[in-house]
Amino acid sequence: MSETEAFAGGRDGDLAGLLREVEGWSARVAGTLDELGRERLEGVDARGAVRARVAGTGRLLGLHLDPRKLRELDHVQLAEAVKEAVGAARAGIAERLAELTGDPAGPGAPAHGGVADPLADHVRRVMREG
């Protein structure tokens, strides 16, 4: 049983051991975020008129506009296509982050002693919407 599980279960545990576990999690999360920051992801709107490329940090790196498909779009539709492509790319980042992190305690570790993460929805929303 980990120290985290002991504390989450309301039992006494080794505080120094808990701090070592948390430091290990922090190091893994930092490494994961560094790895994700080096990745590049793309997203495309439903019509295929706009392709957005973003860094793993969510920063927009570039847009490619298909000239033939642009002829079919007015300025409002173009703006929506850009938003959709960027949103799709950022959704890819969120999925990749979920793949990389799983549970910060490591593979197979129970999440927060079996208690759902109260910030999970917020983190997913931030990763999706920026």
C-alpha atoms as a PDB file:
ATOM      1  CA  MET A   1       0.000   0.000   0.000  1.00  0.00           C
ATOM      2  CA  SER A   2       1.330   3.414  -0.916  1.00  0.00           C
ATOM      3  CA  GLU A   3       1.487   6.319   1.496  1.00  0.00           C
ATOM      4  CA  THR A   4      -1.032   8.134  -0.689  1.00  0.00           C
ATOM      5  CA  GLU A   5      -3.545   5.347  -0.234  1.00  0.00           C
ATOM      6  CA  ALA A   6      -2.957   5.383   3.516  1.00  0.00           C
ATOM      7  CA  PHE A   7      -3.559   9.124   3.793  1.00  0.00           C
ATOM      8  CA  ALA A   8      -6.525   9.030   1.388  1.00  0.00           C
ATOM      9  CA  GLY A   9      -8.035   6.246   3.484  1.00  0.00           C
ATOM     10  CA  GLY A  10      -7.703   8.310   6.656  1.00  0.00           C
ATOM     11  CA  ARG A  11      -5.010   6.063   8.113  1.00  0.00           C
ATOM     12  CA  ASP A  12      -1.744   7.215   9.569  1.00  0.00           C
ATOM     13  CA  GLY A  13       1.167   7.045   7.207  1.00  0.00           C
ATOM     14  CA  ASP A  14       4.739   8.065   6.744  1.00  0.00           C
ATOM     15  CA  LEU A  15       4.733  11.785   5.859  1.00  0.00           C
ATOM     16  CA  ALA A  16       8.288  11.618   4.483  1.00  0.00           C
ATOM     17  CA  GLY A  17       7.230   8.684   2.301  1.00  0.00           C
ATOM     18  CA  LEU A  18       4.201  10.626   1.091  1.00  0.00           C
ATOM     19  CA  LEU A  19       6.436  13.556   0.130  1.00  0.00           C
ATOM     20  CA  ARG A  20       8.749  11.210  -1.786  1.00  0.00           C
ATOM     21  CA  GLU A  21       5.741   9.833  -3.692  1.00  0.00           C
ATOM     22  CA  VAL A  22       4.512  13.333  -4.510  1.00  0.00           C
ATOM     23  CA  GLU A  23       7.996  14.392  -5.657  1.00  0.00           C
ATOM     24  CA  GLY A  24       8.098  11.335  -7.918  1.00  0.00           C
ATOM     25  CA  TRP A  25       4.708  12.266  -9.392  1.00  0.00           C
ATOM     26  CA  SER A  26       5.863  15.838  -9.933  1.00  0.00           C
ATOM     27  CA  ALA A  27       8.975  14.684 -11.758  1.00  0.00           C
ATOM     28  CA  ARG A  28       6.917  12.360 -13.991  1.00  0.00           C
ATOM     29  CA  VAL A  29       4.386  15.100 -14.748  1.00  0.00           C
ATOM     30  CA  ALA A  30       7.166  17.587 -15.575  1.00  0.00           C
ATOM     31  CA  GLY A  31       8.782  15.057 -17.899  1.00  0.00           C
ATOM     32  CA  THR A  32       5.452  14.313 -19.545  1.00  0.00           C
ATOM     33  CA  LEU A  33       4.705  18.001 -20.086  1.00  0.00           C
ATOM     34  CA  ASP A  34       8.178  18.513 -21.589  1.00  0.00           C
ATOM     35  CA  GLU A  35       7.583  15.592 -23.941  1.00  0.00           C
ATOM     36  CA  LEU A  36       4.152  16.893 -24.921  1.00  0.00           C
ATOM     37  CA  GLY A  37       5.531  20.404 -25.447  1.00  0.00           C
ATOM     38  CA  ARG A  38       7.884  19.069 -28.129  1.00  0.00           C
ATOM     39  CA  GLU A  39       5.071  17.394 -30.073  1.00  0.00           C
ATOM     40  CA  ARG A  40       3.185  18.924 -32.997  1.00  0.00           C
ATOM     41  CA  LEU A  41      -0.450  18.068 -33.716  1.00  0.00           C
ATOM     42  CA  GLU A  42      -2.768  18.923 -36.555  1.00  0.00           C
ATOM     43  CA  GLY A  43      -6.501  19.444 -36.816  1.00  0.00           C
ATOM     44  CA  VAL A  44      -8.763  19.898 -39.812  1.00  0.00           C
ATOM     45  CA  ASP A  45     -12.210  21.424 -40.129  1.00  0.00           C
ATOM     46  CA  ALA A  46     -15.102  19.261 -41.362  1.00  0.00           C
ATOM     47  CA  ARG A  47     -14.902  20.623 -44.930  1.00  0.00           C
ATOM     48  CA  GLY A  48     -11.156  20.143 -45.162  1.00  0.00           C
ATOM     49  CA  ALA A  49     -10.640  23.799 -46.040  1.00  0.00           C
ATOM     50  CA  VAL A  50      -8.409  24.637 -43.058  1.00  0.00           C
ATOM     51  CA  ARG A  51      -5.606  22.650 -41.456  1.00  0.00           C
ATOM     52  CA  ALA A  52      -4.182  23.964 -38.176  1.00  0.00           C
ATOM     53  CA  ARG A  53      -0.875  22.943 -36.645  1.00  0.00           C
ATOM     54  CA  VAL A  54      -0.304  23.453 -32.924  1.00  0.00           C
ATOM     55  CA  ALA A  55       2.493  22.777 -30.495  1.00  0.00           C
ATOM     56  CA  GLY A  56       1.889  20.391 -27.626  1.00  0.00           C
ATOM     57  CA  THR A  57       1.564  23.480 -25.444  1.00  0.00           C
ATOM     58  CA  GLY A  58      -1.499  24.557 -27.437  1.00  0.00           C
ATOM     59  CA  ARG A  59       0.269  27.406 -29.248  1.00  0.00           C
ATOM     60  CA  LEU A  60      -0.844  27.863 -32.846  1.00  0.00           C
ATOM     61  CA  LEU A  61       2.100  27.247 -35.176  1.00  0.00           C
ATOM     62  CA  GLY A  62       0.429  27.631 -38.527  1.00  0.00           C
ATOM     63  CA  LEU A  63      -2.616  27.406 -40.748  1.00  0.00           C
ATOM     64  CA  HIS A  64      -2.929  25.941 -44.198  1.00  0.00           C
ATOM     65  CA  LEU A  65      -5.899  27.068 -46.268  1.00  0.00           C
ATOM     66  CA  ASP A  66      -7.007  25.005 -49.269  1.00  0.00           C
ATOM     67  CA  PRO A  67      -7.536  27.621 -52.009  1.00  0.00           C
ATOM     68  CA  ARG A  68     -10.125  25.560 -53.906  1.00  0.00           C
ATOM     69  CA  LYS A  69     -12.264  24.930 -50.865  1.00  0.00           C
ATOM     70  CA  LEU A  70     -11.962  28.539 -49.707  1.00  0.00           C
ATOM     71  CA  ARG A  71     -13.956  29.664 -52.732  1.00  0.00           C
ATOM     72  CA  GLU A  72     -17.006  28.040 -51.157  1.00  0.00           C
ATOM     73  CA  LEU A  73     -16.682  29.931 -47.857  1.00  0.00           C
ATOM     74  CA  ASP A  74     -17.674  33.444 -46.883  1.00  0.00           C
ATOM     75  CA  HIS A  75     -15.736  35.267 -44.149  1.00  0.00           C
ATOM     76  CA  VAL A  76     -17.956  33.953 -41.332  1.00  0.00           C
ATOM     77  CA  GLN A  77     -17.665  30.352 -42.528  1.00  0.00           C
ATOM     78  CA  LEU A  78     -13.908  30.773 -42.866  1.00  0.00           C
ATOM     79  CA  ALA A  79     -13.656  32.023 -39.285  1.00  0.00           C
ATOM     80  CA  GLU A  80     -15.687  29.031 -38.089  1.00  0.00           C
ATOM     81  CA  ALA A  81     -13.502  26.660 -40.120  1.00  0.00           C
ATOM     82  CA  VAL A  82     -10.360  28.113 -38.528  1.00  0.00           C
ATOM     83  CA  LYS A  83     -11.854  27.781 -35.042  1.00  0.00           C
ATOM     84  CA  GLU A  84     -12.903  24.207 -35.795  1.00  0.00           C
ATOM     85  CA  ALA A  85      -9.462  23.216 -37.104  1.00  0.00           C
ATOM     86  CA  VAL A  86      -7.647  24.774 -34.145  1.00  0.00           C
ATOM     87  CA  GLY A  87     -10.139  23.162 -31.753  1.00  0.00           C
ATOM     88  CA  ALA A  88      -9.575  19.763 -33.371  1.00  0.00           C
ATOM     89  CA  ALA A  89      -5.809  20.143 -33.010  1.00  0.00           C
ATOM     90  CA  ARG A  90      -6.123  21.143 -29.365  1.00  0.00           C
ATOM     91  CA  ALA A  91      -8.473  18.217 -28.735  1.00  0.00           C
ATOM     92  CA  GLY A  92      -5.679  16.042 -30.066  1.00  0.00           C
ATOM     93  CA  ILE A  93      -3.380  17.548 -27.458  1.00  0.00           C
ATOM     94  CA  ALA A  94      -5.871  16.698 -24.719  1.00  0.00           C
ATOM     95  CA  GLU A  95      -6.096  13.109 -25.954  1.00  0.00           C
ATOM     96  CA  ARG A  96      -2.322  12.833 -26.157  1.00  0.00           C
ATOM     97  CA  LEU A  97      -1.956  14.248 -22.650  1.00  0.00           C
ATOM     98  CA  ALA A  98      -4.450  11.698 -21.353  1.00  0.00           C
ATOM     99  CA  GLU A  99      -2.436   8.929 -23.049  1.00  0.00           C
ATOM    100  CA  LEU A 100       0.828  10.169 -21.600  1.00  0.00           C
ATOM    101  CA  THR A 101      -0.345  10.801 -18.075  1.00  0.00           C
ATOM    102  CA  GLY A 102      -2.983   8.243 -17.251  1.00  0.00           C
ATOM    103  CA  ASP A 103      -2.735   8.455 -13.492  1.00  0.00           C
ATOM    104  CA  PRO A 104       0.130  10.595 -12.166  1.00  0.00           C
ATOM    105  CA  ALA A 105       0.770   7.905  -9.561  1.00  0.00           C
ATOM    106  CA  GLY A 106       1.889   5.628 -12.373  1.00  0.00           C
ATOM    107  CA  PRO A 107       0.442   2.732 -14.333  1.00  0.00           C
ATOM    108  CA  GLY A 108      -1.986   0.582 -12.413  1.00  0.00           C
ATOM    109  CA  ALA A 109      -2.114   2.882  -9.390  1.00  0.00           C
ATOM    110  CA  PRO A 110      -5.555   3.558  -7.956  1.00  0.00           C
ATOM    111  CA  ALA A 111      -6.611   7.122  -8.680  1.00  0.00           C
ATOM    112  CA  HIS A 112      -6.657   9.123  -5.438  1.00  0.00           C
ATOM    113  CA  GLY A 113      -7.470   6.118  -3.291  1.00  0.00           C
ATOM    114  CA  GLY A 114     -10.509   5.353  -5.452  1.00  0.00           C
ATOM    115  CA  VAL A 115     -11.865   8.926  -5.230  1.00  0.00           C
ATOM    116  CA  ALA A 116     -12.531  10.780  -8.491  1.00  0.00           C
ATOM    117  CA  ASP A 117     -10.272  13.741  -9.227  1.00  0.00           C
ATOM    118  CA  PRO A 118     -12.312  16.898  -8.506  1.00  0.00           C
ATOM    119  CA  LEU A 119     -10.283  18.906 -11.056  1.00  0.00           C
ATOM    120  CA  ALA A 120     -10.457  16.387 -13.914  1.00  0.00           C
ATOM    121  CA  ASP A 121     -13.357  18.089 -15.741  1.00  0.00           C
ATOM    122  CA  HIS A 122     -11.692  21.491 -15.417  1.00  0.00           C
ATOM    123  CA  VAL A 123      -8.368  20.216 -16.786  1.00  0.00           C
ATOM    124  CA  ARG A 124     -10.100  18.504 -19.731  1.00  0.00           C
ATOM    125  CA  ARG A 125     -12.026  21.720 -20.508  1.00  0.00           C
ATOM    126  CA  VAL A 126      -8.864  23.840 -20.416  1.00  0.00           C
ATOM    127  CA  MET A 127      -7.042  21.412 -22.702  1.00  0.00           C
ATOM    128  CA  ARG A 128      -9.962  21.392 -25.143  1.00  0.00           C
ATOM    129  CA  GLU A 129     -10.716  25.087 -25.219  1.00  0.00           C
ATOM    130  CA  GLY A 130      -7.342  26.601 -24.376  1.00  0.00           C
END
